[in-house]
Amino acid sequence: MGLEPIALAMVVIWGWAEAVMAVAVAKAVAVIKLFIDVLLMVSSFESLEKRSRSDGNEPLRLF
């Protein structure tokens, strides 16, 4: 016989909601990855900057 209209609508809405959630999760993961990449880039830049400022005899300062 097939699905009743209400059941069919629920299946369609459920599928749409899953697709929307998948896109939202993918965007959240991309934003978190971008944030981590920026933090790593900044920390490596600061590390290079500190190394270039220090003498050969002077120990590296962390702060």
N, C-alpha and C. Protein backbone atom coordinates (compact mmCIF):
# COMPACT_ATOMS: atom_id res chain seq x y z
N MET A 1 0.83 -1.19 0.00
CA MET A 1 0.00 0.00 0.00
C MET A 1 0.87 1.25 0.00
N GLY A 2 1.91 1.34 0.77
CA GLY A 2 2.75 2.53 0.78
C GLY A 2 2.61 3.29 2.08
N LEU A 3 3.43 4.29 2.20
CA LEU A 3 3.40 5.10 3.42
C LEU A 3 2.23 6.07 3.39
N GLU A 4 1.69 6.34 4.54
CA GLU A 4 0.65 7.36 4.62
C GLU A 4 1.29 8.73 4.47
N PRO A 5 0.53 9.73 4.07
CA PRO A 5 1.11 11.06 3.83
C PRO A 5 1.84 11.64 5.04
N ILE A 6 1.32 11.44 6.24
CA ILE A 6 1.98 11.99 7.43
C ILE A 6 3.31 11.28 7.66
N ALA A 7 3.32 9.96 7.51
CA ALA A 7 4.56 9.20 7.69
C ALA A 7 5.58 9.59 6.63
N LEU A 8 5.12 9.78 5.41
CA LEU A 8 6.02 10.19 4.33
C LEU A 8 6.60 11.58 4.62
N ALA A 9 5.76 12.49 5.10
CA ALA A 9 6.24 13.83 5.45
C ALA A 9 7.26 13.75 6.58
N MET A 10 7.03 12.87 7.55
CA MET A 10 7.98 12.73 8.66
C MET A 10 9.32 12.20 8.16
N VAL A 11 9.28 11.25 7.22
CA VAL A 11 10.52 10.70 6.66
C VAL A 11 11.28 11.78 5.90
N VAL A 12 10.56 12.58 5.12
CA VAL A 12 11.19 13.65 4.35
C VAL A 12 11.80 14.69 5.29
N ILE A 13 11.06 15.09 6.31
CA ILE A 13 11.56 16.09 7.27
C ILE A 13 12.76 15.54 8.02
N TRP A 14 12.70 14.25 8.41
CA TRP A 14 13.82 13.63 9.13
C TRP A 14 15.08 13.63 8.25
N GLY A 15 14.94 13.26 6.99
CA GLY A 15 16.08 13.25 6.07
C GLY A 15 16.65 14.65 5.87
N TRP A 16 15.76 15.63 5.74
CA TRP A 16 16.20 17.01 5.56
C TRP A 16 16.95 17.50 6.81
N ALA A 17 16.41 17.15 7.98
CA ALA A 17 17.06 17.56 9.24
C ALA A 17 18.44 16.91 9.37
N GLU A 18 18.56 15.65 8.97
CA GLU A 18 19.87 14.99 9.02
C GLU A 18 20.85 15.67 8.08
N ALA A 19 20.40 16.05 6.90
CA ALA A 19 21.28 16.73 5.94
C ALA A 19 21.73 18.08 6.49
N VAL A 20 20.81 18.82 7.08
CA VAL A 20 21.15 20.13 7.66
C VAL A 20 22.15 19.96 8.80
N MET A 21 21.94 18.96 9.64
CA MET A 21 22.87 18.71 10.75
C MET A 21 24.24 18.30 10.23
N ALA A 22 24.28 17.49 9.17
CA ALA A 22 25.57 17.08 8.61
C ALA A 22 26.34 18.29 8.09
N VAL A 23 25.65 19.20 7.44
CA VAL A 23 26.30 20.42 6.94
C VAL A 23 26.77 21.28 8.11
N ALA A 24 25.95 21.40 9.14
CA ALA A 24 26.33 22.21 10.31
C ALA A 24 27.56 21.62 11.00
N VAL A 25 27.61 20.31 11.14
CA VAL A 25 28.76 19.67 11.77
C VAL A 25 30.00 19.86 10.91
N ALA A 26 29.86 19.71 9.60
CA ALA A 26 31.01 19.90 8.70
C ALA A 26 31.54 21.32 8.79
N LYS A 27 30.65 22.30 8.86
CA LYS A 27 31.09 23.70 8.98
C LYS A 27 31.77 23.94 10.33
N ALA A 28 31.23 23.37 11.38
CA ALA A 28 31.84 23.53 12.70
C ALA A 28 33.24 22.92 12.73
N VAL A 29 33.39 21.75 12.14
CA VAL A 29 34.71 21.11 12.09
C VAL A 29 35.68 21.96 11.28
N ALA A 30 35.22 22.53 10.17
CA ALA A 30 36.08 23.37 9.34
C ALA A 30 36.52 24.62 10.11
N VAL A 31 35.61 25.23 10.86
CA VAL A 31 35.96 26.43 11.63
C VAL A 31 36.96 26.08 12.74
N ILE A 32 36.75 24.96 13.41
CA ILE A 32 37.68 24.55 14.47
C ILE A 32 39.05 24.26 13.88
N LYS A 33 39.09 23.59 12.72
CA LYS A 33 40.38 23.29 12.07
C LYS A 33 41.09 24.59 11.67
N LEU A 34 40.34 25.53 11.14
CA LEU A 34 40.93 26.82 10.76
C LEU A 34 41.50 27.53 11.98
N PHE A 35 40.77 27.52 13.09
CA PHE A 35 41.23 28.14 14.33
C PHE A 35 42.53 27.50 14.82
N ILE A 36 42.58 26.17 14.79
CA ILE A 36 43.80 25.46 15.21
C ILE A 36 44.96 25.78 14.28
N ASP A 37 44.69 25.83 12.96
CA ASP A 37 45.76 26.16 12.01
C ASP A 37 46.31 27.56 12.27
N VAL A 38 45.42 28.51 12.55
CA VAL A 38 45.87 29.88 12.82
C VAL A 38 46.70 29.92 14.11
N LEU A 39 46.25 29.20 15.13
CA LEU A 39 47.02 29.17 16.38
C LEU A 39 48.40 28.57 16.16
N LEU A 40 48.48 27.49 15.39
CA LEU A 40 49.78 26.88 15.12
C LEU A 40 50.67 27.81 14.32
N MET A 41 50.08 28.53 13.36
CA MET A 41 50.86 29.46 12.54
C MET A 41 51.41 30.59 13.41
N VAL A 42 50.57 31.13 14.28
CA VAL A 42 51.01 32.23 15.15
C VAL A 42 52.09 31.75 16.11
N SER A 43 51.92 30.57 16.69
CA SER A 43 52.91 30.08 17.65
C SER A 43 54.24 29.79 16.95
N SER A 44 54.21 29.26 15.73
CA SER A 44 55.47 29.01 15.03
C SER A 44 56.13 30.32 14.63
N PHE A 45 55.34 31.34 14.27
CA PHE A 45 55.90 32.64 13.94
C PHE A 45 56.56 33.27 15.16
N GLU A 46 55.89 33.18 16.32
CA GLU A 46 56.47 33.73 17.55
C GLU A 46 57.75 32.99 17.91
N SER A 47 57.78 31.69 17.70
CA SER A 47 58.97 30.91 18.01
C SER A 47 60.13 31.34 17.12
N LEU A 48 59.86 31.54 15.83
CA LEU A 48 60.91 32.00 14.92
C LEU A 48 61.39 33.40 15.29
N GLU A 49 60.45 34.26 15.68
CA GLU A 49 60.79 35.62 16.06
C GLU A 49 61.69 35.63 17.30
N LYS A 50 61.38 34.80 18.27
CA LYS A 50 62.19 34.74 19.50
C LYS A 50 63.58 34.18 19.20
N ARG A 51 63.65 33.20 18.32
CA ARG A 51 64.96 32.65 17.98
C ARG A 51 65.83 33.67 17.27
N SER A 52 65.23 34.49 16.41
CA SER A 52 66.02 35.46 15.67
C SER A 52 66.50 36.60 16.57
N ARG A 53 65.78 36.87 17.67
CA ARG A 53 66.19 37.96 18.56
C ARG A 53 67.27 37.54 19.54
N SER A 54 67.37 36.25 19.84
CA SER A 54 68.32 35.83 20.88
C SER A 54 69.71 35.62 20.29
N ASP A 55 70.72 35.87 21.13
CA ASP A 55 72.12 35.62 20.74
C ASP A 55 72.38 34.12 20.78
N GLY A 56 73.57 33.74 20.34
CA GLY A 56 73.96 32.35 20.47
C GLY A 56 74.21 31.96 21.91
N ASN A 57 74.67 32.91 22.75
CA ASN A 57 74.99 32.61 24.15
C ASN A 57 73.79 32.78 25.07
N GLU A 58 72.82 33.55 24.65
CA GLU A 58 71.69 33.84 25.52
C GLU A 58 70.63 32.75 25.37
N PRO A 59 70.13 32.21 26.48
CA PRO A 59 69.08 31.18 26.38
C PRO A 59 67.77 31.80 25.88
N LEU A 60 66.94 30.98 25.27
CA LEU A 60 65.66 31.47 24.77
C LEU A 60 64.75 31.85 25.93
N ARG A 61 64.09 32.98 25.79
CA ARG A 61 63.11 33.39 26.79
C ARG A 61 61.74 32.95 26.29
N LEU A 62 60.96 32.35 27.17
CA LEU A 62 59.65 31.87 26.75
C LEU A 62 58.59 32.96 26.82
N PHE A 63 58.80 33.96 27.68
CA PHE A 63 57.80 35.02 27.80
C PHE A 63 58.43 36.37 27.64
